[in-house]
């Protein structure tokens, strides 16, 4: 997706807990920009992962350049598409 990359890996350990991680590199910008991007990614995960995430899997959201400028509703729909795609 243009605003982020979603990686998902099933743990296959029998634990249905979903775990999530966030990464934003220094290429994106200074600390203020990176923290803003992480806050947006956390809000997206809080909204969508409980319902659309894969139980027993690790989800990692990697912020991409331009993710801060994208509309939040657009990012939300993109995350929904990405979660549906990795669930297959």
PDB file of N, CA and C in Angstrom:
ATOM      1  N   UNK A   1       0.838  -1.182   0.000  1.00  0.00           N
ATOM      2  CA  UNK A   1       0.000   0.000   0.000  1.00  0.00           C
ATOM      3  C   UNK A   1       0.888   1.251   0.000  1.00  0.00           C
ATOM      4  N   UNK A   2       0.405   2.342  -0.526  1.00  0.00           N
ATOM      5  CA  UNK A   2       1.238   3.547  -0.635  1.00  0.00           C
ATOM      6  C   UNK A   2       1.656   4.163   0.706  1.00  0.00           C
ATOM      7  N   UNK A   3       0.842   4.026   1.747  1.00  0.00           N
ATOM      8  CA  UNK A   3       1.161   4.659   3.021  1.00  0.00           C
ATOM      9  C   UNK A   3       1.927   3.793   3.999  1.00  0.00           C
ATOM     10  N   UNK A   4       1.897   2.480   3.783  1.00  0.00           N
ATOM     11  CA  UNK A   4       2.536   1.559   4.718  1.00  0.00           C
ATOM     12  C   UNK A   4       2.741   0.211   4.053  1.00  0.00           C
ATOM     13  N   UNK A   5       3.501  -0.634   4.720  1.00  0.00           N
ATOM     14  CA  UNK A   5       3.676  -2.033   4.318  1.00  0.00           C
ATOM     15  C   UNK A   5       3.167  -2.877   5.476  1.00  0.00           C
ATOM     16  N   UNK A   6       2.405  -3.913   5.170  1.00  0.00           N
ATOM     17  CA  UNK A   6       1.908  -4.819   6.202  1.00  0.00           C
ATOM     18  C   UNK A   6       2.563  -6.178   6.017  1.00  0.00           C
ATOM     19  N   UNK A   7       3.187  -6.667   7.081  1.00  0.00           N
ATOM     20  CA  UNK A   7       3.755  -8.014   7.093  1.00  0.00           C
ATOM     21  C   UNK A   7       2.987  -8.810   8.139  1.00  0.00           C
ATOM     22  N   UNK A   8       2.697 -10.070   7.829  1.00  0.00           N
ATOM     23  CA  UNK A   8       1.986 -10.913   8.768  1.00  0.00           C
ATOM     24  C   UNK A   8       2.613 -12.298   8.741  1.00  0.00           C
ATOM     25  N   UNK A   9       2.806 -12.877   9.942  1.00  0.00           N
ATOM     26  CA  UNK A   9       3.362 -14.221  10.049  1.00  0.00           C
ATOM     27  C   UNK A   9       2.598 -14.984  11.115  1.00  0.00           C
ATOM     28  N   UNK A  10       2.082 -16.128  10.739  1.00  0.00           N
ATOM     29  CA  UNK A  10       1.410 -16.986  11.718  1.00  0.00           C
ATOM     30  C   UNK A  10       2.464 -17.637  12.611  1.00  0.00           C
ATOM     31  N   UNK A  11       2.184 -17.668  13.915  1.00  0.00           N
ATOM     32  CA  UNK A  11       3.148 -18.228  14.853  1.00  0.00           C
ATOM     33  C   UNK A  11       3.001 -19.737  15.002  1.00  0.00           C
ATOM     34  N   UNK A  12       1.813 -20.284  14.793  1.00  0.00           N
ATOM     35  CA  UNK A  12       1.555 -21.725  14.917  1.00  0.00           C
ATOM     36  C   UNK A  12       1.993 -22.284  16.269  1.00  0.00           C
ATOM     37  N   UNK A  13       1.710 -21.527  17.333  1.00  0.00           N
ATOM     38  CA  UNK A  13       2.038 -21.992  18.674  1.00  0.00           C
ATOM     39  C   UNK A  13       0.796 -22.290  19.508  1.00  0.00           C
ATOM     40  N   UNK A  14      -0.386 -22.203  18.887  1.00  0.00           N
ATOM     41  CA  UNK A  14      -1.618 -22.499  19.596  1.00  0.00           C
ATOM     42  C   UNK A  14      -2.181 -21.343  20.394  1.00  0.00           C
ATOM     43  N   UNK A  15      -1.471 -20.231  20.463  1.00  0.00           N
ATOM     44  CA  UNK A  15      -1.931 -19.055  21.194  1.00  0.00           C
ATOM     45  C   UNK A  15      -2.690 -18.149  20.229  1.00  0.00           C
ATOM     46  N   UNK A  16      -3.972 -17.846  20.492  1.00  0.00           N
ATOM     47  CA  UNK A  16      -4.757 -17.029  19.561  1.00  0.00           C
ATOM     48  C   UNK A  16      -4.487 -15.521  19.670  1.00  0.00           C
ATOM     49  N   UNK A  17      -3.553 -15.129  20.514  1.00  0.00           N
ATOM     50  CA  UNK A  17      -3.268 -13.707  20.705  1.00  0.00           C
ATOM     51  C   UNK A  17      -2.644 -13.106  19.449  1.00  0.00           C
ATOM     52  N   UNK A  18      -3.157 -11.938  19.052  1.00  0.00           N
ATOM     53  CA  UNK A  18      -2.564 -11.191  17.934  1.00  0.00           C
ATOM     54  C   UNK A  18      -1.536 -10.227  18.500  1.00  0.00           C
ATOM     55  N   UNK A  19      -0.375 -10.194  17.889  1.00  0.00           N
ATOM     56  CA  UNK A  19       0.637  -9.226  18.297  1.00  0.00           C
ATOM     57  C   UNK A  19       0.856  -8.265  17.140  1.00  0.00           C
ATOM     58  N   UNK A  20       1.243  -7.033  17.484  1.00  0.00           N
ATOM     59  CA  UNK A  20       1.442  -6.022  16.452  1.00  0.00           C
ATOM     60  C   UNK A  20       2.710  -5.237  16.750  1.00  0.00           C
ATOM     61  N   UNK A  21       3.416  -4.862  15.685  1.00  0.00           N
ATOM     62  CA  UNK A  21       4.625  -4.061  15.814  1.00  0.00           C
ATOM     63  C   UNK A  21       4.585  -2.930  14.791  1.00  0.00           C
ATOM     64  N   UNK A  22       5.309  -1.863  15.088  1.00  0.00           N
ATOM     65  CA  UNK A  22       5.338  -0.688  14.219  1.00  0.00           C
ATOM     66  C   UNK A  22       6.783  -0.294  13.973  1.00  0.00           C
ATOM     67  N   UNK A  23       7.088   0.041  12.725  1.00  0.00           N
ATOM     68  CA  UNK A  23       8.435   0.470  12.362  1.00  0.00           C
ATOM     69  C   UNK A  23       8.333   1.658  11.422  1.00  0.00           C
ATOM     70  N   UNK A  24       9.090   2.703  11.741  1.00  0.00           N
ATOM     71  CA  UNK A  24       9.211   3.861  10.858  1.00  0.00           C
ATOM     72  C   UNK A  24      10.685   4.255  10.875  1.00  0.00           C
ATOM     73  N   UNK A  25      11.334   4.199   9.708  1.00  0.00           N
ATOM     74  CA  UNK A  25      12.772   4.444   9.642  1.00  0.00           C
ATOM     75  C   UNK A  25      13.095   5.929   9.582  1.00  0.00           C
ATOM     76  N   UNK A  26      14.363   6.236   9.758  1.00  0.00           N
ATOM     77  CA  UNK A  26      14.825   7.622   9.715  1.00  0.00           C
ATOM     78  C   UNK A  26      14.714   8.231   8.324  1.00  0.00           C
ATOM     79  N   UNK A  27      14.558   7.397   7.304  1.00  0.00           N
ATOM     80  CA  UNK A  27      14.378   7.907   5.949  1.00  0.00           C
ATOM     81  C   UNK A  27      13.087   8.710   5.818  1.00  0.00           C
ATOM     82  N   UNK A  28      12.116   8.400   6.667  1.00  0.00           N
ATOM     83  CA  UNK A  28      10.813   9.064   6.613  1.00  0.00           C
ATOM     84  C   UNK A  28      10.917  10.517   7.063  1.00  0.00           C
ATOM     85  N   UNK A  29      11.746  10.796   8.052  1.00  0.00           N
ATOM     86  CA  UNK A  29      11.881  12.169   8.548  1.00  0.00           C
ATOM     87  C   UNK A  29      12.474  12.194   9.941  1.00  0.00           C
ATOM     88  N   UNK A  30      12.360  13.352  10.559  1.00  0.00           N
ATOM     89  CA  UNK A  30      12.901  13.508  11.908  1.00  0.00           C
ATOM     90  C   UNK A  30      11.994  12.817  12.931  1.00  0.00           C
ATOM     91  N   UNK A  31      12.344  12.919  14.196  1.00  0.00           N
ATOM     92  CA  UNK A  31      11.624  12.201  15.255  1.00  0.00           C
ATOM     93  C   UNK A  31      10.157  12.608  15.329  1.00  0.00           C
ATOM     94  N   UNK A  32       9.867  13.875  15.106  1.00  0.00           N
ATOM     95  CA  UNK A  32       8.483  14.346  15.179  1.00  0.00           C
ATOM     96  C   UNK A  32       7.646  13.681  14.084  1.00  0.00           C
ATOM     97  N   UNK A  33       8.174  13.621  12.887  1.00  0.00           N
ATOM     98  CA  UNK A  33       7.464  13.015  11.759  1.00  0.00           C
ATOM     99  C   UNK A  33       7.299  11.516  11.982  1.00  0.00           C
ATOM    100  N   UNK A  34       8.350  10.848  12.451  1.00  0.00           N
ATOM    101  CA  UNK A  34       8.281   9.405  12.692  1.00  0.00           C
ATOM    102  C   UNK A  34       7.264   9.083  13.788  1.00  0.00           C
ATOM    103  N   UNK A  35       7.260   9.864  14.853  1.00  0.00           N
ATOM    104  CA  UNK A  35       6.307   9.617  15.943  1.00  0.00           C
ATOM    105  C   UNK A  35       4.870   9.841  15.492  1.00  0.00           C
ATOM    106  N   UNK A  36       4.658  10.855  14.649  1.00  0.00           N
ATOM    107  CA  UNK A  36       3.310  11.101  14.134  1.00  0.00           C
ATOM    108  C   UNK A  36       2.850   9.917  13.293  1.00  0.00           C
ATOM    109  N   UNK A  37       3.743   9.397  12.478  1.00  0.00           N
ATOM    110  CA  UNK A  37       3.396   8.245  11.645  1.00  0.00           C
ATOM    111  C   UNK A  37       3.080   7.029  12.512  1.00  0.00           C
ATOM    112  N   UNK A  38       3.872   6.805  13.563  1.00  0.00           N
ATOM    113  CA  UNK A  38       3.607   5.677  14.461  1.00  0.00           C
ATOM    114  C   UNK A  38       2.263   5.830  15.165  1.00  0.00           C
ATOM    115  N   UNK A  39       1.916   7.052  15.563  1.00  0.00           N
ATOM    116  CA  UNK A  39       0.611   7.278  16.196  1.00  0.00           C
ATOM    117  C   UNK A  39      -0.525   6.947  15.240  1.00  0.00           C
ATOM    118  N   UNK A  40      -0.367   7.322  13.973  1.00  0.00           N
ATOM    119  CA  UNK A  40      -1.401   7.022  12.981  1.00  0.00           C
ATOM    120  C   UNK A  40      -1.513   5.510  12.774  1.00  0.00           C
ATOM    121  N   UNK A  41      -0.382   4.820  12.704  1.00  0.00           N
ATOM    122  CA  UNK A  41      -0.402   3.374  12.523  1.00  0.00           C
ATOM    123  C   UNK A  41      -1.032   2.673  13.725  1.00  0.00           C
ATOM    124  N   UNK A  42      -0.733   3.161  14.931  1.00  0.00           N
ATOM    125  CA  UNK A  42      -1.334   2.582  16.138  1.00  0.00           C
ATOM    126  C   UNK A  42      -2.849   2.748  16.132  1.00  0.00           C
ATOM    127  N   UNK A  43      -3.312   3.934  15.717  1.00  0.00           N
ATOM    128  CA  UNK A  43      -4.758   4.182  15.669  1.00  0.00           C
ATOM    129  C   UNK A  43      -5.430   3.268  14.646  1.00  0.00           C
ATOM    130  N   UNK A  44      -4.779   3.067  13.504  1.00  0.00           N
ATOM    131  CA  UNK A  44      -5.322   2.151  12.492  1.00  0.00           C
ATOM    132  C   UNK A  44      -5.408   0.728  13.042  1.00  0.00           C
ATOM    133  N   UNK A  45      -4.350   0.290  13.688  1.00  0.00           N
ATOM    134  CA  UNK A  45      -4.323  -1.068  14.234  1.00  0.00           C
ATOM    135  C   UNK A  45      -5.384  -1.244  15.317  1.00  0.00           C
ATOM    136  N   UNK A  46      -5.555  -0.245  16.147  1.00  0.00           N
ATOM    137  CA  UNK A  46      -6.560  -0.316  17.214  1.00  0.00           C
ATOM    138  C   UNK A  46      -7.963  -0.433  16.624  1.00  0.00           C
ATOM    139  N   UNK A  47      -8.202   0.232  15.487  1.00  0.00           N
ATOM    140  CA  UNK A  47      -9.516   0.188  14.850  1.00  0.00           C
ATOM    141  C   UNK A  47      -9.793  -1.144  14.156  1.00  0.00           C
ATOM    142  N   UNK A  48      -8.824  -1.656  13.400  1.00  0.00           N
ATOM    143  CA  UNK A  48      -9.107  -2.763  12.497  1.00  0.00           C
ATOM    144  C   UNK A  48      -8.607  -4.134  12.929  1.00  0.00           C
ATOM    145  N   UNK A  49      -7.511  -4.205  13.664  1.00  0.00           N
ATOM    146  CA  UNK A  49      -6.950  -5.516  13.990  1.00  0.00           C
ATOM    147  C   UNK A  49      -7.869  -6.400  14.821  1.00  0.00           C
ATOM    148  N   UNK A  50      -8.611  -5.880  15.800  1.00  0.00           N
ATOM    149  CA  UNK A  50      -9.464  -6.794  16.581  1.00  0.00           C
ATOM    150  C   UNK A  50     -10.500  -7.537  15.735  1.00  0.00           C
ATOM    151  N   UNK A  51     -10.965  -6.922  14.664  1.00  0.00           N
ATOM    152  CA  UNK A  51     -11.987  -7.578  13.843  1.00  0.00           C
ATOM    153  C   UNK A  51     -11.423  -8.228  12.590  1.00  0.00           C
ATOM    154  N   UNK A  52     -10.429  -7.606  11.945  1.00  0.00           N
ATOM    155  CA  UNK A  52      -9.943  -8.093  10.650  1.00  0.00           C
ATOM    156  C   UNK A  52      -8.590  -8.787  10.730  1.00  0.00           C
ATOM    157  N   UNK A  53      -7.946  -8.748  11.896  1.00  0.00           N
ATOM    158  CA  UNK A  53      -6.635  -9.374  12.023  1.00  0.00           C
ATOM    159  C   UNK A  53      -6.720 -10.887  12.081  1.00  0.00           C
ATOM    160  N   UNK A  54      -5.590 -11.537  11.903  1.00  0.00           N
ATOM    161  CA  UNK A  54      -5.518 -12.991  11.944  1.00  0.00           C
ATOM    162  C   UNK A  54      -5.132 -13.439  13.353  1.00  0.00           C
ATOM    163  N   UNK A  55      -5.994 -14.192  14.034  1.00  0.00           N
ATOM    164  CA  UNK A  55      -5.650 -14.668  15.377  1.00  0.00           C
ATOM    165  C   UNK A  55      -4.427 -15.582  15.332  1.00  0.00           C
ATOM    166  N   UNK A  56      -3.574 -15.449  16.334  1.00  0.00           N
ATOM    167  CA  UNK A  56      -2.373 -16.270  16.415  1.00  0.00           C
ATOM    168  C   UNK A  56      -1.277 -15.862  15.460  1.00  0.00           C
ATOM    169  N   UNK A  57      -1.285 -14.588  15.068  1.00  0.00           N
ATOM    170  CA  UNK A  57      -0.286 -14.112  14.101  1.00  0.00           C
ATOM    171  C   UNK A  57       0.363 -12.832  14.605  1.00  0.00           C
ATOM    172  N   UNK A  58       1.544 -12.562  14.066  1.00  0.00           N
ATOM    173  CA  UNK A  58       2.244 -11.302  14.321  1.00  0.00           C
ATOM    174  C   UNK A  58       2.006 -10.402  13.116  1.00  0.00           C
ATOM    175  N   UNK A  59       1.585  -9.168  13.379  1.00  0.00           N
ATOM    176  CA  UNK A  59       1.373  -8.179  12.331  1.00  0.00           C
ATOM    177  C   UNK A  59       2.393  -7.066  12.524  1.00  0.00           C
ATOM    178  N   UNK A  60       3.052  -6.658  11.460  1.00  0.00           N
ATOM    179  CA  UNK A  60       4.015  -5.563  11.522  1.00  0.00           C
ATOM    180  C   UNK A  60       3.617  -4.523  10.477  1.00  0.00           C
ATOM    181  N   UNK A  61       3.445  -3.283  10.929  1.00  0.00           N
ATOM    182  CA  UNK A  61       3.141  -2.169  10.035  1.00  0.00           C
ATOM    183  C   UNK A  61       4.395  -1.320   9.887  1.00  0.00           C
ATOM    184  N   UNK A  62       4.831  -1.143   8.652  1.00  0.00           N
ATOM    185  CA  UNK A  62       6.019  -0.353   8.359  1.00  0.00           C
ATOM    186  C   UNK A  62       5.569   0.914   7.646  1.00  0.00           C
ATOM    187  N   UNK A  63       5.841   2.058   8.251  1.00  0.00           N
ATOM    188  CA  UNK A  63       5.448   3.332   7.657  1.00  0.00           C
ATOM    189  C   UNK A  63       6.272   3.652   6.422  1.00  0.00           C
ATOM    190  N   UNK A  64       5.606   4.179   5.405  1.00  0.00           N
ATOM    191  CA  UNK A  64       6.287   4.565   4.174  1.00  0.00           C
ATOM    192  C   UNK A  64       6.270   6.076   4.027  1.00  0.00           C
ATOM    193  N   UNK A  65       7.138   6.531   3.167  1.00  0.00           N
ATOM    194  CA  UNK A  65       7.223   7.959   2.882  1.00  0.00           C
ATOM    195  C   UNK A  65       5.889   8.439   2.305  1.00  0.00           C
ATOM    196  N   UNK A  66       5.357   9.522   2.828  1.00  0.00           N
ATOM    197  CA  UNK A  66       4.090  10.053   2.361  1.00  0.00           C
ATOM    198  C   UNK A  66       2.898   9.552   3.144  1.00  0.00           C
ATOM    199  N   UNK A  67       3.107   8.673   4.107  1.00  0.00           N
ATOM    200  CA  UNK A  67       2.003   8.147   4.898  1.00  0.00           C
ATOM    201  C   UNK A  67       1.353   9.186   5.790  1.00  0.00           C
ATOM    202  N   UNK A  68       2.126  10.189   6.205  1.00  0.00           N
ATOM    203  CA  UNK A  68       1.571  11.249   7.047  1.00  0.00           C
ATOM    204  C   UNK A  68       0.645  12.165   6.265  1.00  0.00           C
ATOM    205  N   UNK A  69       0.899  12.324   4.981  1.00  0.00           N
ATOM    206  CA  UNK A  69       0.092  13.240   4.180  1.00  0.00           C
ATOM    207  C   UNK A  69      -1.196  12.596   3.680  1.00  0.00           C
ATOM    208  N   UNK A  70      -1.261  11.277   3.698  1.00  0.00           N
ATOM    209  CA  UNK A  70      -2.451  10.584   3.199  1.00  0.00           C
ATOM    210  C   UNK A  70      -3.618  10.758   4.165  1.00  0.00           C
ATOM    211  N   UNK A  71      -4.805  10.785   3.620  1.00  0.00           N
ATOM    212  CA  UNK A  71      -6.017  10.908   4.414  1.00  0.00           C
ATOM    213  C   UNK A  71      -6.176   9.668   5.298  1.00  0.00           C
ATOM    214  N   UNK A  72      -6.584   9.873   6.546  1.00  0.00           N
ATOM    215  CA  UNK A  72      -6.695   8.772   7.504  1.00  0.00           C
ATOM    216  C   UNK A  72      -7.738   7.748   7.043  1.00  0.00           C
ATOM    217  N   UNK A  73      -8.849   8.213   6.497  1.00  0.00           N
ATOM    218  CA  UNK A  73      -9.885   7.294   6.023  1.00  0.00           C
ATOM    219  C   UNK A  73      -9.356   6.434   4.877  1.00  0.00           C
ATOM    220  N   UNK A  74      -8.523   7.003   4.025  1.00  0.00           N
ATOM    221  CA  UNK A  74      -7.926   6.251   2.926  1.00  0.00           C
ATOM    222  C   UNK A  74      -6.957   5.201   3.468  1.00  0.00           C
ATOM    223  N   UNK A  75      -6.157   5.580   4.460  1.00  0.00           N
ATOM    224  CA  UNK A  75      -5.256   4.615   5.090  1.00  0.00           C
ATOM    225  C   UNK A  75      -6.042   3.470   5.728  1.00  0.00           C
ATOM    226  N   UNK A  76      -7.180   3.803   6.317  1.00  0.00           N
ATOM    227  CA  UNK A  76      -8.010   2.792   6.975  1.00  0.00           C
ATOM    228  C   UNK A  76      -8.538   1.781   5.961  1.00  0.00           C
ATOM    229  N   UNK A  77      -9.016   2.259   4.816  1.00  0.00           N
ATOM    230  CA  UNK A  77      -9.509   1.334   3.793  1.00  0.00           C
ATOM    231  C   UNK A  77      -8.360   0.497   3.216  1.00  0.00           C
ATOM    232  N   UNK A  78      -7.188   1.109   3.068  1.00  0.00           N
ATOM    233  CA  UNK A  78      -6.031   0.368   2.564  1.00  0.00           C
ATOM    234  C   UNK A  78      -5.611  -0.730   3.536  1.00  0.00           C
ATOM    235  N   UNK A  79      -5.653  -0.436   4.836  1.00  0.00           N
ATOM    236  CA  UNK A  79      -5.311  -1.454   5.821  1.00  0.00           C
ATOM    237  C   UNK A  79      -6.337  -2.583   5.814  1.00  0.00           C
ATOM    238  N   UNK A  80      -7.602  -2.238   5.650  1.00  0.00           N
ATOM    239  CA  UNK A  80      -8.629  -3.267   5.547  1.00  0.00           C
ATOM    240  C   UNK A  80      -8.384  -4.193   4.361  1.00  0.00           C
ATOM    241  N   UNK A  81      -8.021  -3.614   3.212  1.00  0.00           N
ATOM    242  CA  UNK A  81      -7.699  -4.414   2.025  1.00  0.00           C
ATOM    243  C   UNK A  81      -6.483  -5.293   2.269  1.00  0.00           C
ATOM    244  N   UNK A  82      -5.456  -4.705   2.898  1.00  0.00           N
ATOM    245  CA  UNK A  82      -4.214  -5.448   3.143  1.00  0.00           C
ATOM    246  C   UNK A  82      -4.458  -6.608   4.115  1.00  0.00           C
ATOM    247  N   UNK A  83      -5.250  -6.383   5.150  1.00  0.00           N
ATOM    248  CA  UNK A  83      -5.562  -7.456   6.105  1.00  0.00           C
ATOM    249  C   UNK A  83      -6.347  -8.572   5.438  1.00  0.00           C
ATOM    250  N   UNK A  84      -7.274  -8.210   4.555  1.00  0.00           N
ATOM    251  CA  UNK A  84      -8.042  -9.230   3.838  1.00  0.00           C
ATOM    252  C   UNK A  84      -7.137 -10.023   2.906  1.00  0.00           C
ATOM    253  N   UNK A  85      -6.173  -9.348   2.310  1.00  0.00           N
ATOM    254  CA  UNK A  85      -5.270 -10.009   1.369  1.00  0.00           C
ATOM    255  C   UNK A  85      -4.339 -11.007   2.080  1.00  0.00           C
ATOM    256  N   UNK A  86      -3.801 -10.622   3.239  1.00  0.00           N
ATOM    257  CA  UNK A  86      -2.890 -11.524   3.939  1.00  0.00           C
ATOM    258  C   UNK A  86      -3.639 -12.641   4.668  1.00  0.00           C
ATOM    259  N   UNK A  87      -4.933 -12.467   4.904  1.00  0.00           N
ATOM    260  CA  UNK A  87      -5.712 -13.503   5.576  1.00  0.00           C
ATOM    261  C   UNK A  87      -5.978 -14.686   4.654  1.00  0.00           C
ATOM    262  N   UNK A  88      -5.926 -14.464   3.344  1.00  0.00           N
ATOM    263  CA  UNK A  88      -6.170 -15.549   2.376  1.00  0.00           C
ATOM    264  C   UNK A  88      -5.115 -16.591   2.406  1.00  0.00           C
TER     265      UNK A  88
END
